[in-house]
Amino acid sequence: MVSIRRMTPTDIEVVSQLDVLAFMAYSRQTGYNGPVHPRTHRNALACLNLNPTGCFVAETDKLVGYIFTRIWGTTGWIGTFGVHPDYQGQGIGQSLLTAAVEHLQGANCTTVGLETMSDSPYNVGFYSRFGFLLTYPTVLLLKKIGSVAVASPYTVLSQLENEEALSAITQISQTACQGLDYAPEAANAREYEWGETLLVGWPQPWAFAIVRTTPKREGAVKSAAGISVLVIRSKTGESLAEVLQTIEVFVHSRGLEQVSLAVNTADGEALQQALSSGFRVRAVVLRMVFGEKYTPPVGRVLSTWMM
């Protein structure tokens, strides 16, 4: 008998072990035979605390599956999700996914989605049967930082009063896309010290970026910063290249040599600009939305729906 319940902090160690098993199975399918390291305890705990009532585990006499969700205002998505290999094929994954989708819908998320690896036909079939529709893919990019240009005026969240800065992040988010709010993500990055939020154009910010500066997994050597979220309130009159230059200045100041970025291809112009500024494609993931087609934001919103 399998039961589904909410994840708690005491589950994190076992969930991290299940996560390794899930990623190891995928890695072997794609020809990678190296080690798969567990997520750091702090990373897993940060992911849980972004939406603690919307993360679930499957339990028999032990934990055999897990699923994370995130909420960004009215956008909700399913993050890392896996079932122990010995318990697959028993409907556990479908039960976990049902709990996650119902939670996000109950939290008034008008968009419920996920992203999955483009080289995993099983995942695409599984999610499609559940009711997810393929939409614009997301391109994962990487750039080696060379000479550093002059940055636009910016500040970082850790140097500001929380309410003032978080309010600015909410305002820019909702200008770019009605109902969107990345303030909880920025607050989480600060609380768990996994990254920093840059507000560009300060003291009248018109863009922000949440930049990961610490590794997600044990034993990883951090040489690249990851732009988790980049939002510009408008697609016209405000420069993506300017924001990327500013991020590069910040990343260089932290002693990191590369920066990664995710661009959903619904914004083809942003992808072209990123490629023109020196980013190179390293992978493509498939974005899927539950029950409805994806409506691109009016502003510039660059992020991925993967943990």
C-alpha atoms as a PDB file:
ATOM      1  CA  MET A   1       0.000   0.000   0.000  1.00  0.00           C
ATOM      2  CA  VAL A   2       1.461   3.344  -1.084  1.00  0.00           C
ATOM      3  CA  SER A   3       0.400   6.625   0.522  1.00  0.00           C
ATOM      4  CA  ILE A   4       1.130  10.170  -0.623  1.00  0.00           C
ATOM      5  CA  ARG A   5       1.866  12.813   1.989  1.00  0.00           C
ATOM      6  CA  ARG A   6       3.533  16.201   2.244  1.00  0.00           C
ATOM      7  CA  MET A   7       7.311  16.245   2.383  1.00  0.00           C
ATOM      8  CA  THR A   8       8.916  17.405   5.630  1.00  0.00           C
ATOM      9  CA  PRO A   9      12.479  18.540   6.435  1.00  0.00           C
ATOM     10  CA  THR A  10      13.152  15.152   8.062  1.00  0.00           C
ATOM     11  CA  ASP A  11      12.605  13.491   4.651  1.00  0.00           C
ATOM     12  CA  ILE A  12      15.355  15.467   2.925  1.00  0.00           C
ATOM     13  CA  GLU A  13      18.205  12.967   3.321  1.00  0.00           C
ATOM     14  CA  VAL A  14      16.198  10.066   1.883  1.00  0.00           C
ATOM     15  CA  VAL A  15      14.756  12.278  -0.863  1.00  0.00           C
ATOM     16  CA  SER A  16      18.307  13.235  -1.852  1.00  0.00           C
ATOM     17  CA  GLN A  17      19.220   9.544  -2.130  1.00  0.00           C
ATOM     18  CA  LEU A  18      16.135   8.871  -4.282  1.00  0.00           C
ATOM     19  CA  ASP A  19      17.091  11.840  -6.448  1.00  0.00           C
ATOM     20  CA  VAL A  20      20.504  10.254  -7.108  1.00  0.00           C
ATOM     21  CA  LEU A  21      18.853   6.959  -8.128  1.00  0.00           C
ATOM     22  CA  ALA A  22      16.449   8.777 -10.474  1.00  0.00           C
ATOM     23  CA  PHE A  23      19.210  10.800 -12.148  1.00  0.00           C
ATOM     24  CA  MET A  24      21.528   7.798 -12.314  1.00  0.00           C
ATOM     25  CA  ALA A  25      18.950   5.824 -14.303  1.00  0.00           C
ATOM     26  CA  TYR A  26      18.572   8.717 -16.750  1.00  0.00           C
ATOM     27  CA  SER A  27      22.349   9.187 -16.991  1.00  0.00           C
ATOM     28  CA  ARG A  28      22.911   5.533 -17.862  1.00  0.00           C
ATOM     29  CA  GLN A  29      20.245   5.755 -20.567  1.00  0.00           C
ATOM     30  CA  THR A  30      22.106   8.651 -22.166  1.00  0.00           C
ATOM     31  CA  GLY A  31      25.507   6.920 -22.009  1.00  0.00           C
ATOM     32  CA  TYR A  32      27.005   8.693 -18.985  1.00  0.00           C
ATOM     33  CA  ASN A  33      28.701   6.223 -16.626  1.00  0.00           C
ATOM     34  CA  GLY A  34      30.251   8.641 -14.153  1.00  0.00           C
ATOM     35  CA  PRO A  35      29.104   9.326 -10.597  1.00  0.00           C
ATOM     36  CA  VAL A  36      25.885  11.188  -9.799  1.00  0.00           C
ATOM     37  CA  HIS A  37      26.303  13.224  -6.624  1.00  0.00           C
ATOM     38  CA  PRO A  38      23.459  14.023  -4.231  1.00  0.00           C
ATOM     39  CA  ARG A  39      22.070  17.490  -3.833  1.00  0.00           C
ATOM     40  CA  THR A  40      23.502  19.401  -0.921  1.00  0.00           C
ATOM     41  CA  HIS A  41      21.309  19.331   2.152  1.00  0.00           C
ATOM     42  CA  ARG A  42      20.982  23.111   1.957  1.00  0.00           C
ATOM     43  CA  ASN A  43      19.886  22.988  -1.693  1.00  0.00           C
ATOM     44  CA  ALA A  44      17.203  20.359  -1.051  1.00  0.00           C
ATOM     45  CA  LEU A  45      15.964  22.235   2.009  1.00  0.00           C
ATOM     46  CA  ALA A  46      15.804  25.511   0.080  1.00  0.00           C
ATOM     47  CA  CYS A  47      13.758  23.813  -2.666  1.00  0.00           C
ATOM     48  CA  LEU A  48      11.344  22.385  -0.096  1.00  0.00           C
ATOM     49  CA  ASN A  49      10.894  25.711   1.674  1.00  0.00           C
ATOM     50  CA  LEU A  50      10.034  27.565  -1.549  1.00  0.00           C
ATOM     51  CA  ASN A  51       6.677  25.750  -1.470  1.00  0.00           C
ATOM     52  CA  PRO A  52       6.529  23.514   1.620  1.00  0.00           C
ATOM     53  CA  THR A  53       2.846  22.591   1.272  1.00  0.00           C
ATOM     54  CA  GLY A  54       3.293  21.564  -2.375  1.00  0.00           C
ATOM     55  CA  CYS A  55       6.125  19.029  -2.148  1.00  0.00           C
ATOM     56  CA  PHE A  56       5.158  15.382  -1.649  1.00  0.00           C
ATOM     57  CA  VAL A  57       6.603  11.942  -0.972  1.00  0.00           C
ATOM     58  CA  ALA A  58       5.289   8.438  -1.687  1.00  0.00           C
ATOM     59  CA  GLU A  59       5.605   6.050   1.237  1.00  0.00           C
ATOM     60  CA  THR A  60       5.221   2.311   1.825  1.00  0.00           C
ATOM     61  CA  ASP A  61       7.216   1.085   4.803  1.00  0.00           C
ATOM     62  CA  LYS A  62       9.827   3.536   3.471  1.00  0.00           C
ATOM     63  CA  LEU A  63      10.012   6.502   1.107  1.00  0.00           C
ATOM     64  CA  VAL A  64       9.920   5.364  -2.533  1.00  0.00           C
ATOM     65  CA  GLY A  65       9.162   8.577  -4.454  1.00  0.00           C
ATOM     66  CA  TYR A  66       9.193  12.369  -4.263  1.00  0.00           C
ATOM     67  CA  ILE A  67       8.078  15.474  -6.134  1.00  0.00           C
ATOM     68  CA  PHE A  68       8.846  19.200  -5.709  1.00  0.00           C
ATOM     69  CA  THR A  69       6.802  22.169  -6.887  1.00  0.00           C
ATOM     70  CA  ARG A  70       7.433  25.909  -7.082  1.00  0.00           C
ATOM     71  CA  ILE A  71       5.009  28.827  -7.243  1.00  0.00           C
ATOM     72  CA  TRP A  72       5.854  32.149  -8.901  1.00  0.00           C
ATOM     73  CA  GLY A  73       2.650  34.123  -8.385  1.00  0.00           C
ATOM     74  CA  THR A  74       0.090  32.570 -10.741  1.00  0.00           C
ATOM     75  CA  THR A  75       2.705  30.353 -12.426  1.00  0.00           C
ATOM     76  CA  GLY A  76       3.353  26.995 -10.800  1.00  0.00           C
ATOM     77  CA  TRP A  77       5.651  24.250 -11.974  1.00  0.00           C
ATOM     78  CA  ILE A  78       6.803  20.768 -11.096  1.00  0.00           C
ATOM     79  CA  GLY A  79      10.490  20.414 -10.332  1.00  0.00           C
ATOM     80  CA  THR A  80      12.582  17.357  -9.561  1.00  0.00           C
ATOM     81  CA  PHE A  81      10.425  14.243  -9.481  1.00  0.00           C
ATOM     82  CA  GLY A  82      11.386  10.582  -9.185  1.00  0.00           C
ATOM     83  CA  VAL A  83      10.433   7.076  -8.066  1.00  0.00           C
ATOM     84  CA  HIS A  84      12.773   4.382  -6.770  1.00  0.00           C
ATOM     85  CA  PRO A  85      13.631   2.042  -9.705  1.00  0.00           C
ATOM     86  CA  ASP A  86      12.339  -1.006  -7.804  1.00  0.00           C
ATOM     87  CA  TYR A  87       8.895   0.615  -7.432  1.00  0.00           C
ATOM     88  CA  GLN A  88       8.375   1.990 -10.919  1.00  0.00           C
ATOM     89  CA  GLY A  89       5.464   0.810 -13.049  1.00  0.00           C
ATOM     90  CA  GLN A  90       3.045   0.725 -10.094  1.00  0.00           C
ATOM     91  CA  GLY A  91       1.328   4.091 -10.651  1.00  0.00           C
ATOM     92  CA  ILE A  92       3.337   5.867  -7.940  1.00  0.00           C
ATOM     93  CA  GLY A  93       4.616   8.536 -10.309  1.00  0.00           C
ATOM     94  CA  GLN A  94       1.107   9.282 -11.519  1.00  0.00           C
ATOM     95  CA  SER A  95      -0.132   9.624  -7.921  1.00  0.00           C
ATOM     96  CA  LEU A  96       2.685  12.037  -7.063  1.00  0.00           C
ATOM     97  CA  LEU A  97       2.071  14.072 -10.205  1.00  0.00           C
ATOM     98  CA  THR A  98      -1.665  14.217  -9.458  1.00  0.00           C
ATOM     99  CA  ALA A  99      -0.974  15.550  -5.953  1.00  0.00           C
ATOM    100  CA  ALA A 100       1.378  18.206  -7.355  1.00  0.00           C
ATOM    101  CA  VAL A 101      -0.966  19.408 -10.123  1.00  0.00           C
ATOM    102  CA  GLU A 102      -3.984  19.516  -7.798  1.00  0.00           C
ATOM    103  CA  HIS A 103      -1.972  21.527  -5.280  1.00  0.00           C
ATOM    104  CA  LEU A 104      -0.875  24.085  -7.877  1.00  0.00           C
ATOM    105  CA  GLN A 105      -4.390  24.431  -9.263  1.00  0.00           C
ATOM    106  CA  GLY A 106      -5.707  24.848  -5.716  1.00  0.00           C
ATOM    107  CA  ALA A 107      -3.140  27.598  -5.171  1.00  0.00           C
ATOM    108  CA  ASN A 108      -4.743  29.582  -8.038  1.00  0.00           C
ATOM    109  CA  CYS A 109      -1.931  28.958 -10.507  1.00  0.00           C
ATOM    110  CA  THR A 110      -3.341  29.786 -13.942  1.00  0.00           C
ATOM    111  CA  THR A 111      -0.282  28.230 -15.599  1.00  0.00           C
ATOM    112  CA  VAL A 112       0.910  24.799 -14.446  1.00  0.00           C
ATOM    113  CA  GLY A 113       3.929  23.416 -16.236  1.00  0.00           C
ATOM    114  CA  LEU A 114       7.222  21.580 -16.205  1.00  0.00           C
ATOM    115  CA  GLU A 115      10.311  21.009 -18.307  1.00  0.00           C
ATOM    116  CA  THR A 116      11.816  17.651 -19.182  1.00  0.00           C
ATOM    117  CA  MET A 117      14.888  16.408 -21.015  1.00  0.00           C
ATOM    118  CA  SER A 118      14.520  16.374 -24.789  1.00  0.00           C
ATOM    119  CA  ASP A 119      16.274  12.990 -25.030  1.00  0.00           C
ATOM    120  CA  SER A 120      13.792  11.204 -22.752  1.00  0.00           C
ATOM    121  CA  PRO A 121      10.876   9.916 -24.877  1.00  0.00           C
ATOM    122  CA  TYR A 122       9.480   8.047 -21.866  1.00  0.00           C
ATOM    123  CA  ASN A 123       9.047  11.303 -19.938  1.00  0.00           C
ATOM    124  CA  VAL A 124       7.385  13.042 -22.889  1.00  0.00           C
ATOM    125  CA  GLY A 125       4.921  10.174 -23.271  1.00  0.00           C
ATOM    126  CA  PHE A 126       4.217   9.995 -19.532  1.00  0.00           C
ATOM    127  CA  TYR A 127       3.480  13.697 -19.199  1.00  0.00           C
ATOM    128  CA  SER A 128       1.479  13.810 -22.447  1.00  0.00           C
ATOM    129  CA  ARG A 129      -0.794  10.979 -21.298  1.00  0.00           C
ATOM    130  CA  PHE A 130      -1.362  12.875 -18.065  1.00  0.00           C
ATOM    131  CA  GLY A 131      -2.575  15.945 -19.982  1.00  0.00           C
ATOM    132  CA  PHE A 132       0.525  18.099 -20.461  1.00  0.00           C
ATOM    133  CA  LEU A 133       0.955  19.752 -23.860  1.00  0.00           C
ATOM    134  CA  LEU A 134       4.269  20.444 -25.560  1.00  0.00           C
ATOM    135  CA  THR A 135       4.935  24.118 -26.075  1.00  0.00           C
ATOM    136  CA  TYR A 136       8.025  26.232 -26.822  1.00  0.00           C
ATOM    137  CA  PRO A 137      11.282  24.459 -25.857  1.00  0.00           C
ATOM    138  CA  THR A 138      13.823  26.126 -23.580  1.00  0.00           C
ATOM    139  CA  VAL A 139      17.451  26.525 -24.663  1.00  0.00           C
ATOM    140  CA  LEU A 140      20.165  26.244 -22.004  1.00  0.00           C
ATOM    141  CA  LEU A 141      23.149  28.465 -22.765  1.00  0.00           C
ATOM    142  CA  LEU A 142      26.666  28.941 -21.412  1.00  0.00           C
ATOM    143  CA  LYS A 143      29.247  31.698 -21.848  1.00  0.00           C
ATOM    144  CA  LYS A 144      32.871  31.947 -20.819  1.00  0.00           C
ATOM    145  CA  ILE A 145      33.514  35.407 -19.419  1.00  0.00           C
ATOM    146  CA  GLY A 146      36.375  37.235 -21.086  1.00  0.00           C
ATOM    147  CA  SER A 147      36.947  40.963 -20.817  1.00  0.00           C
ATOM    148  CA  VAL A 148      34.351  42.549 -18.548  1.00  0.00           C
ATOM    149  CA  ALA A 149      32.392  45.548 -19.793  1.00  0.00           C
ATOM    150  CA  VAL A 150      31.218  48.466 -17.687  1.00  0.00           C
ATOM    151  CA  ALA A 151      28.103  47.599 -15.701  1.00  0.00           C
ATOM    152  CA  SER A 152      24.889  49.561 -15.498  1.00  0.00           C
ATOM    153  CA  PRO A 153      24.106  50.942 -12.039  1.00  0.00           C
ATOM    154  CA  TYR A 154      22.898  48.061  -9.874  1.00  0.00           C
ATOM    155  CA  THR A 155      22.639  46.902  -6.310  1.00  0.00           C
ATOM    156  CA  VAL A 156      22.160  43.527  -4.654  1.00  0.00           C
ATOM    157  CA  LEU A 157      19.369  42.354  -2.391  1.00  0.00           C
ATOM    158  CA  SER A 158      21.692  41.628   0.533  1.00  0.00           C
ATOM    159  CA  GLN A 159      22.554  45.339   0.785  1.00  0.00           C
ATOM    160  CA  LEU A 160      18.953  46.546   0.966  1.00  0.00           C
ATOM    161  CA  GLU A 161      16.030  46.482   3.329  1.00  0.00           C
ATOM    162  CA  ASN A 162      13.992  43.390   2.479  1.00  0.00           C
ATOM    163  CA  GLU A 163      10.606  45.017   1.970  1.00  0.00           C
ATOM    164  CA  GLU A 164      11.886  47.776  -0.305  1.00  0.00           C
ATOM    165  CA  ALA A 165      13.791  45.439  -2.608  1.00  0.00           C
ATOM    166  CA  LEU A 166      11.244  42.627  -2.620  1.00  0.00           C
ATOM    167  CA  SER A 167       8.519  45.111  -3.508  1.00  0.00           C
ATOM    168  CA  ALA A 168      10.581  46.252  -6.508  1.00  0.00           C
ATOM    169  CA  ILE A 169      11.043  42.620  -7.615  1.00  0.00           C
ATOM    170  CA  THR A 170       7.297  42.003  -7.391  1.00  0.00           C
ATOM    171  CA  GLN A 171       6.526  45.162  -9.367  1.00  0.00           C
ATOM    172  CA  ILE A 172       8.968  44.347 -12.180  1.00  0.00           C
ATOM    173  CA  SER A 173       7.713  40.741 -12.296  1.00  0.00           C
ATOM    174  CA  GLN A 174       4.081  41.776 -12.641  1.00  0.00           C
ATOM    175  CA  THR A 175       4.854  44.457 -15.226  1.00  0.00           C
ATOM    176  CA  ALA A 176       6.606  41.840 -17.353  1.00  0.00           C
ATOM    177  CA  CYS A 177       3.849  39.242 -16.900  1.00  0.00           C
ATOM    178  CA  GLN A 178       0.556  39.733 -15.099  1.00  0.00           C
ATOM    179  CA  GLY A 179       0.366  37.618 -11.953  1.00  0.00           C
ATOM    180  CA  LEU A 180       4.063  36.682 -11.918  1.00  0.00           C
ATOM    181  CA  ASP A 181       6.059  37.204  -8.709  1.00  0.00           C
ATOM    182  CA  TYR A 182       9.687  36.195  -8.153  1.00  0.00           C
ATOM    183  CA  ALA A 183      10.058  37.899  -4.776  1.00  0.00           C
ATOM    184  CA  PRO A 184       9.815  34.574  -2.840  1.00  0.00           C
ATOM    185  CA  GLU A 185      12.579  33.114  -5.031  1.00  0.00           C
ATOM    186  CA  ALA A 186      14.832  36.097  -4.313  1.00  0.00           C
ATOM    187  CA  ALA A 187      14.103  35.870  -0.587  1.00  0.00           C
ATOM    188  CA  ASN A 188      14.912  32.139  -0.654  1.00  0.00           C
ATOM    189  CA  ALA A 189      18.241  32.764  -2.403  1.00  0.00           C
ATOM    190  CA  ARG A 190      19.161  35.204   0.324  1.00  0.00           C
ATOM    191  CA  GLU A 191      17.960  33.064   3.242  1.00  0.00           C
ATOM    192  CA  TYR A 192      19.731  29.902   2.082  1.00  0.00           C
ATOM    193  CA  GLU A 193      22.732  31.768   0.624  1.00  0.00           C
ATOM    194  CA  TRP A 194      22.632  29.977  -2.724  1.00  0.00           C
ATOM    195  CA  GLY A 195      22.757  33.157  -4.751  1.00  0.00           C
ATOM    196  CA  GLU A 196      22.275  36.893  -5.035  1.00  0.00           C
ATOM    197  CA  THR A 197      19.628  39.083  -6.641  1.00  0.00           C
ATOM    198  CA  LEU A 198      20.805  42.025  -8.751  1.00  0.00           C
ATOM    199  CA  LEU A 199      18.498  45.011  -9.256  1.00  0.00           C
ATOM    200  CA  VAL A 200      19.575  46.814 -12.436  1.00  0.00           C
ATOM    201  CA  GLY A 201      19.091  50.564 -12.794  1.00  0.00           C
ATOM    202  CA  TRP A 202      18.985  51.151  -9.054  1.00  0.00           C
ATOM    203  CA  PRO A 203      17.595  53.272  -7.415  1.00  0.00           C
ATOM    204  CA  GLN A 204      14.857  53.020 -10.071  1.00  0.00           C
ATOM    205  CA  PRO A 205      15.256  49.393 -11.155  1.00  0.00           C
ATOM    206  CA  TRP A 206      13.838  48.222 -14.465  1.00  0.00           C
ATOM    207  CA  ALA A 207      15.264  44.701 -14.425  1.00  0.00           C
ATOM    208  CA  PHE A 208      16.523  42.100 -11.978  1.00  0.00           C
ATOM    209  CA  ALA A 209      18.365  38.786 -12.060  1.00  0.00           C
ATOM    210  CA  ILE A 210      18.594  36.020  -9.473  1.00  0.00           C
ATOM    211  CA  VAL A 211      22.042  34.493  -9.902  1.00  0.00           C
ATOM    212  CA  ARG A 212      23.098  31.162  -8.381  1.00  0.00           C
ATOM    213  CA  THR A 213      26.666  31.245  -7.064  1.00  0.00           C
ATOM    214  CA  THR A 214      26.840  27.966  -5.092  1.00  0.00           C
ATOM    215  CA  PRO A 215      26.734  24.340  -6.336  1.00  0.00           C
ATOM    216  CA  LYS A 216      23.498  22.344  -6.217  1.00  0.00           C
ATOM    217  CA  ARG A 217      25.239  19.013  -5.668  1.00  0.00           C
ATOM    218  CA  GLU A 218      27.869  17.667  -3.286  1.00  0.00           C
ATOM    219  CA  GLY A 219      31.418  17.580  -4.581  1.00  0.00           C
ATOM    220  CA  ALA A 220      30.749  19.999  -7.440  1.00  0.00           C
ATOM    221  CA  VAL A 221      33.353  22.652  -8.211  1.00  0.00           C
ATOM    222  CA  LYS A 222      31.563  25.897  -8.964  1.00  0.00           C
ATOM    223  CA  SER A 223      33.146  27.581 -11.975  1.00  0.00           C
ATOM    224  CA  ALA A 224      29.935  28.924 -13.522  1.00  0.00           C
ATOM    225  CA  ALA A 225      27.252  31.149 -12.080  1.00  0.00           C
ATOM    226  CA  GLY A 226      23.721  30.294 -13.125  1.00  0.00           C
ATOM    227  CA  ILE A 227      21.141  32.943 -13.992  1.00  0.00           C
ATOM    228  CA  SER A 228      18.099  31.324 -12.387  1.00  0.00           C
ATOM    229  CA  VAL A 229      15.774  34.162 -13.360  1.00  0.00           C
ATOM    230  CA  LEU A 230      16.221  37.300 -15.474  1.00  0.00           C
ATOM    231  CA  VAL A 231      13.317  39.718 -15.859  1.00  0.00           C
ATOM    232  CA  ILE A 232      13.133  42.986 -17.794  1.00  0.00           C
ATOM    233  CA  ARG A 233       9.853  44.815 -17.425  1.00  0.00           C
ATOM    234  CA  SER A 234       9.570  45.550 -21.165  1.00  0.00           C
ATOM    235  CA  LYS A 235      10.832  44.035 -24.417  1.00  0.00           C
ATOM    236  CA  THR A 236      11.244  47.475 -25.960  1.00  0.00           C
ATOM    237  CA  GLY A 237      13.453  50.351 -24.875  1.00  0.00           C
ATOM    238  CA  GLU A 238      15.416  48.372 -22.281  1.00  0.00           C
ATOM    239  CA  SER A 239      18.437  46.321 -23.243  1.00  0.00           C
ATOM    240  CA  LEU A 240      18.949  42.633 -22.558  1.00  0.00           C
ATOM    241  CA  ALA A 241      22.603  43.020 -23.593  1.00  0.00           C
ATOM    242  CA  GLU A 242      23.007  45.703 -20.923  1.00  0.00           C
ATOM    243  CA  VAL A 243      21.588  43.414 -18.229  1.00  0.00           C
ATOM    244  CA  LEU A 244      23.793  40.502 -19.342  1.00  0.00           C
ATOM    245  CA  GLN A 245      26.884  42.726 -19.205  1.00  0.00           C
ATOM    246  CA  THR A 246      25.953  43.808 -15.696  1.00  0.00           C
ATOM    247  CA  ILE A 247      25.539  40.179 -14.602  1.00  0.00           C
ATOM    248  CA  GLU A 248      28.929  39.325 -16.098  1.00  0.00           C
ATOM    249  CA  VAL A 249      30.564  42.116 -14.079  1.00  0.00           C
ATOM    250  CA  PHE A 250      28.967  40.719 -10.912  1.00  0.00           C
ATOM    251  CA  VAL A 251      29.915  37.113 -11.742  1.00  0.00           C
ATOM    252  CA  HIS A 252      33.511  38.136 -12.491  1.00  0.00           C
ATOM    253  CA  SER A 253      33.660  39.904  -9.112  1.00  0.00           C
ATOM    254  CA  ARG A 254      32.819  36.567  -7.475  1.00  0.00           C
ATOM    255  CA  GLY A 255      35.771  34.858  -9.158  1.00  0.00           C
ATOM    256  CA  LEU A 256      33.645  32.698 -11.466  1.00  0.00           C
ATOM    257  CA  GLU A 257      34.652  32.087 -15.074  1.00  0.00           C
ATOM    258  CA  GLN A 258      31.370  31.243 -16.810  1.00  0.00           C
ATOM    259  CA  VAL A 259      27.693  32.112 -16.667  1.00  0.00           C
ATOM    260  CA  SER A 260      24.687  30.024 -17.739  1.00  0.00           C
ATOM    261  CA  LEU A 261      21.305  31.247 -18.931  1.00  0.00           C
ATOM    262  CA  ALA A 262      17.978  29.653 -19.906  1.00  0.00           C
ATOM    263  CA  VAL A 263      15.885  31.205 -22.694  1.00  0.00           C
ATOM    264  CA  ASN A 264      12.476  29.905 -23.657  1.00  0.00           C
ATOM    265  CA  THR A 265      12.148  30.052 -27.438  1.00  0.00           C
ATOM    266  CA  ALA A 266       8.813  31.841 -27.189  1.00  0.00           C
ATOM    267  CA  ASP A 267      11.141  34.847 -26.974  1.00  0.00           C
ATOM    268  CA  GLY A 268      13.174  34.242 -30.125  1.00  0.00           C
ATOM    269  CA  GLU A 269      14.591  37.761 -30.066  1.00  0.00           C
ATOM    270  CA  ALA A 270      16.115  37.177 -26.619  1.00  0.00           C
ATOM    271  CA  LEU A 271      17.708  33.955 -27.832  1.00  0.00           C
ATOM    272  CA  GLN A 272      19.264  35.734 -30.808  1.00  0.00           C
ATOM    273  CA  GLN A 273      20.600  38.515 -28.576  1.00  0.00           C
ATOM    274  CA  ALA A 274      22.109  36.024 -26.130  1.00  0.00           C
ATOM    275  CA  LEU A 275      23.817  34.116 -28.948  1.00  0.00           C
ATOM    276  CA  SER A 276      25.107  37.383 -30.417  1.00  0.00           C
ATOM    277  CA  SER A 277      26.629  38.323 -27.047  1.00  0.00           C
ATOM    278  CA  GLY A 278      28.714  35.153 -26.882  1.00  0.00           C
ATOM    279  CA  PHE A 279      26.460  32.536 -25.292  1.00  0.00           C
ATOM    280  CA  ARG A 280      26.536  29.043 -26.813  1.00  0.00           C
ATOM    281  CA  VAL A 281      23.869  26.336 -26.718  1.00  0.00           C
ATOM    282  CA  ARG A 282      24.651  23.432 -24.401  1.00  0.00           C
ATOM    283  CA  ALA A 283      21.246  21.692 -24.185  1.00  0.00           C
ATOM    284  CA  VAL A 284      17.556  21.937 -25.026  1.00  0.00           C
ATOM    285  CA  VAL A 285      14.714  20.953 -22.690  1.00  0.00           C
ATOM    286  CA  LEU A 286      11.035  20.592 -23.517  1.00  0.00           C
ATOM    287  CA  ARG A 287       8.505  22.875 -21.832  1.00  0.00           C
ATOM    288  CA  MET A 288       5.072  21.381 -21.245  1.00  0.00           C
ATOM    289  CA  VAL A 289       1.925  23.031 -19.881  1.00  0.00           C
ATOM    290  CA  PHE A 290      -0.997  21.261 -18.259  1.00  0.00           C
ATOM    291  CA  GLY A 291      -4.338  21.644 -19.980  1.00  0.00           C
ATOM    292  CA  GLU A 292      -3.722  24.885 -21.843  1.00  0.00           C
ATOM    293  CA  LYS A 293      -1.349  26.549 -24.242  1.00  0.00           C
ATOM    294  CA  TYR A 294       1.450  28.748 -22.977  1.00  0.00           C
ATOM    295  CA  THR A 295       0.949  32.514 -23.312  1.00  0.00           C
ATOM    296  CA  PRO A 296       4.283  34.377 -23.553  1.00  0.00           C
ATOM    297  CA  PRO A 297       4.762  37.362 -21.201  1.00  0.00           C
ATOM    298  CA  VAL A 298       4.681  40.944 -22.487  1.00  0.00           C
ATOM    299  CA  GLY A 299       8.034  41.698 -20.872  1.00  0.00           C
ATOM    300  CA  ARG A 300      11.248  39.702 -20.966  1.00  0.00           C
ATOM    301  CA  VAL A 301      11.204  36.696 -18.627  1.00  0.00           C
ATOM    302  CA  LEU A 302      14.131  34.270 -18.954  1.00  0.00           C
ATOM    303  CA  SER A 303      14.143  31.220 -16.717  1.00  0.00           C
ATOM    304  CA  THR A 304      13.794  27.464 -16.697  1.00  0.00           C
ATOM    305  CA  TRP A 305      11.180  25.286 -14.993  1.00  0.00           C
ATOM    306  CA  MET A 306      13.758  22.781 -13.767  1.00  0.00           C
ATOM    307  CA  MET A 307      15.356  22.568 -10.319  1.00  0.00           C
END
